[in-house]
């Protein structure tokens, strides 16, 4: 699954879960969201909490990608170093193998009629 498809599904899931559970939590815990001294309607309060949830999902995604990204980057650096060391140590063997292959390969004779 691509990155943006996963991101879109995560955002949609967080909005859906917030709408589904938002009204019941507002009623259960008797939460009133007040802005400028006025109580906001439950649907607007749920929308505000949905936006907060989307922001939290984006922050969590950034943290996860930065952690895994740094792990992948470090792994690639280690593998690159191992390949460079192997080439540095065994370059005479590689050179001799290429020379032997060039000398001993079958040469095709092109005959023209």
Protein backbone atom coordinates (compact mmCIF):
# COMPACT_ATOMS: atom_id res chain seq x y z
CA UNK A 1 0.00 0.00 0.00
CA UNK A 2 1.42 3.37 -0.91
CA UNK A 3 2.28 6.01 1.62
CA UNK A 4 -0.47 8.45 0.66
CA UNK A 5 -3.11 5.72 0.53
CA UNK A 6 -2.13 4.63 4.05
CA UNK A 7 -2.15 8.23 5.23
CA UNK A 8 -5.60 8.84 3.75
CA UNK A 9 -6.98 5.67 5.33
CA UNK A 10 -5.51 6.63 8.72
CA UNK A 11 -7.06 10.08 8.54
CA UNK A 12 -10.45 8.71 7.48
CA UNK A 13 -10.37 6.07 10.21
CA UNK A 14 -9.55 8.64 12.87
CA UNK A 15 -12.34 10.96 11.70
CA UNK A 16 -14.83 8.08 11.56
CA UNK A 17 -13.93 6.82 15.03
CA UNK A 18 -14.10 10.31 16.44
CA UNK A 19 -17.58 10.85 15.00
CA UNK A 20 -18.79 7.44 16.14
CA UNK A 21 -17.50 7.67 19.69
CA UNK A 22 -17.50 11.46 20.03
CA UNK A 23 -21.16 12.03 20.86
CA UNK A 24 -21.31 9.17 23.34
CA UNK A 25 -18.15 10.37 25.13
CA UNK A 26 -19.47 13.92 25.26
CA UNK A 27 -22.69 12.66 26.80
CA UNK A 28 -21.04 10.08 29.08
CA UNK A 29 -18.45 12.40 30.58
CA UNK A 30 -20.71 15.48 30.39
CA UNK A 31 -18.15 17.47 28.43
CA UNK A 32 -19.09 20.90 27.16
CA UNK A 33 -16.80 22.71 24.75
CA UNK A 34 -17.01 26.46 25.33
CA UNK A 35 -15.53 29.02 22.95
CA UNK A 36 -15.86 32.75 23.62
CA UNK A 37 -18.20 32.06 26.51
CA UNK A 38 -20.70 30.11 24.39
CA UNK A 39 -21.24 26.37 24.46
CA UNK A 40 -20.58 24.74 21.09
CA UNK A 41 -23.07 22.30 19.60
CA UNK A 42 -22.12 18.61 19.97
CA UNK A 43 -21.53 18.16 16.23
CA UNK A 44 -19.15 21.12 16.14
CA UNK A 45 -17.43 19.84 19.27
CA UNK A 46 -16.99 16.45 17.62
CA UNK A 47 -15.61 18.17 14.52
CA UNK A 48 -13.09 20.02 16.66
CA UNK A 49 -12.04 16.79 18.34
CA UNK A 50 -11.80 15.12 14.92
CA UNK A 51 -9.40 17.81 13.78
CA UNK A 52 -7.33 17.28 16.91
CA UNK A 53 -7.31 13.53 16.19
CA UNK A 54 -6.12 14.13 12.61
CA UNK A 55 -3.30 16.31 13.89
CA UNK A 56 -2.34 13.61 16.40
CA UNK A 57 -2.36 10.96 13.66
CA UNK A 58 -0.11 13.15 11.49
CA UNK A 59 2.29 13.71 14.39
CA UNK A 60 2.38 9.98 15.13
CA UNK A 61 2.98 9.25 11.44
CA UNK A 62 5.86 11.73 11.35
CA UNK A 63 7.41 10.15 14.44
CA UNK A 64 7.06 6.63 13.08
CA UNK A 65 8.46 7.56 9.68
CA UNK A 66 11.38 9.42 11.21
CA UNK A 67 12.24 6.48 13.49
CA UNK A 68 11.92 3.87 10.74
CA UNK A 69 13.53 6.20 8.23
CA UNK A 70 16.58 6.62 10.44
CA UNK A 71 16.77 2.86 11.01
CA UNK A 72 16.59 2.21 7.28
CA UNK A 73 19.16 4.95 6.61
CA UNK A 74 21.59 3.50 9.17
CA UNK A 75 21.12 0.01 7.72
CA UNK A 76 21.82 1.26 4.21
CA UNK A 77 24.96 3.08 5.41
CA UNK A 78 26.24 -0.09 7.11
CA UNK A 79 25.54 -2.21 4.03
CA UNK A 80 27.19 0.38 1.78
CA UNK A 81 30.28 0.40 4.00
CA UNK A 82 30.45 -3.40 3.92
CA UNK A 83 30.23 -3.40 0.11
CA UNK A 84 32.94 -0.73 -0.19
CA UNK A 85 35.24 -2.63 2.20
CA UNK A 86 34.67 -5.85 0.25
CA UNK A 87 35.50 -4.12 -3.03
CA UNK A 88 38.53 -2.43 -1.46
CA UNK A 89 39.89 -5.70 -0.09
CA UNK A 90 39.12 -7.96 -3.03
CA UNK A 91 39.71 -5.61 -6.00
CA UNK A 92 42.82 -7.50 -7.18
CA UNK A 93 40.82 -10.73 -7.27
CA UNK A 94 38.01 -9.03 -9.18
CA UNK A 95 40.51 -7.53 -11.64
CA UNK A 96 42.21 -10.89 -12.22
CA UNK A 97 38.82 -12.58 -12.73
CA UNK A 98 37.77 -9.97 -15.30
CA UNK A 99 41.07 -10.26 -17.17
CA UNK A 100 40.85 -14.08 -17.23
CA UNK A 101 37.24 -13.87 -18.43
CA UNK A 102 38.16 -11.43 -21.21
CA UNK A 103 41.05 -13.59 -22.38
CA UNK A 104 39.31 -16.97 -22.21
CA UNK A 105 35.84 -16.13 -23.53
CA UNK A 106 34.71 -17.66 -26.77
CA UNK A 107 35.26 -15.37 -29.69
CA UNK A 108 32.74 -15.61 -32.47
CA UNK A 109 34.16 -15.47 -35.96
CA UNK A 110 31.94 -13.60 -38.34
CA UNK A 111 32.15 -15.21 -41.73
CA UNK A 112 30.81 -13.36 -44.66
CA UNK A 113 29.69 -15.18 -47.79
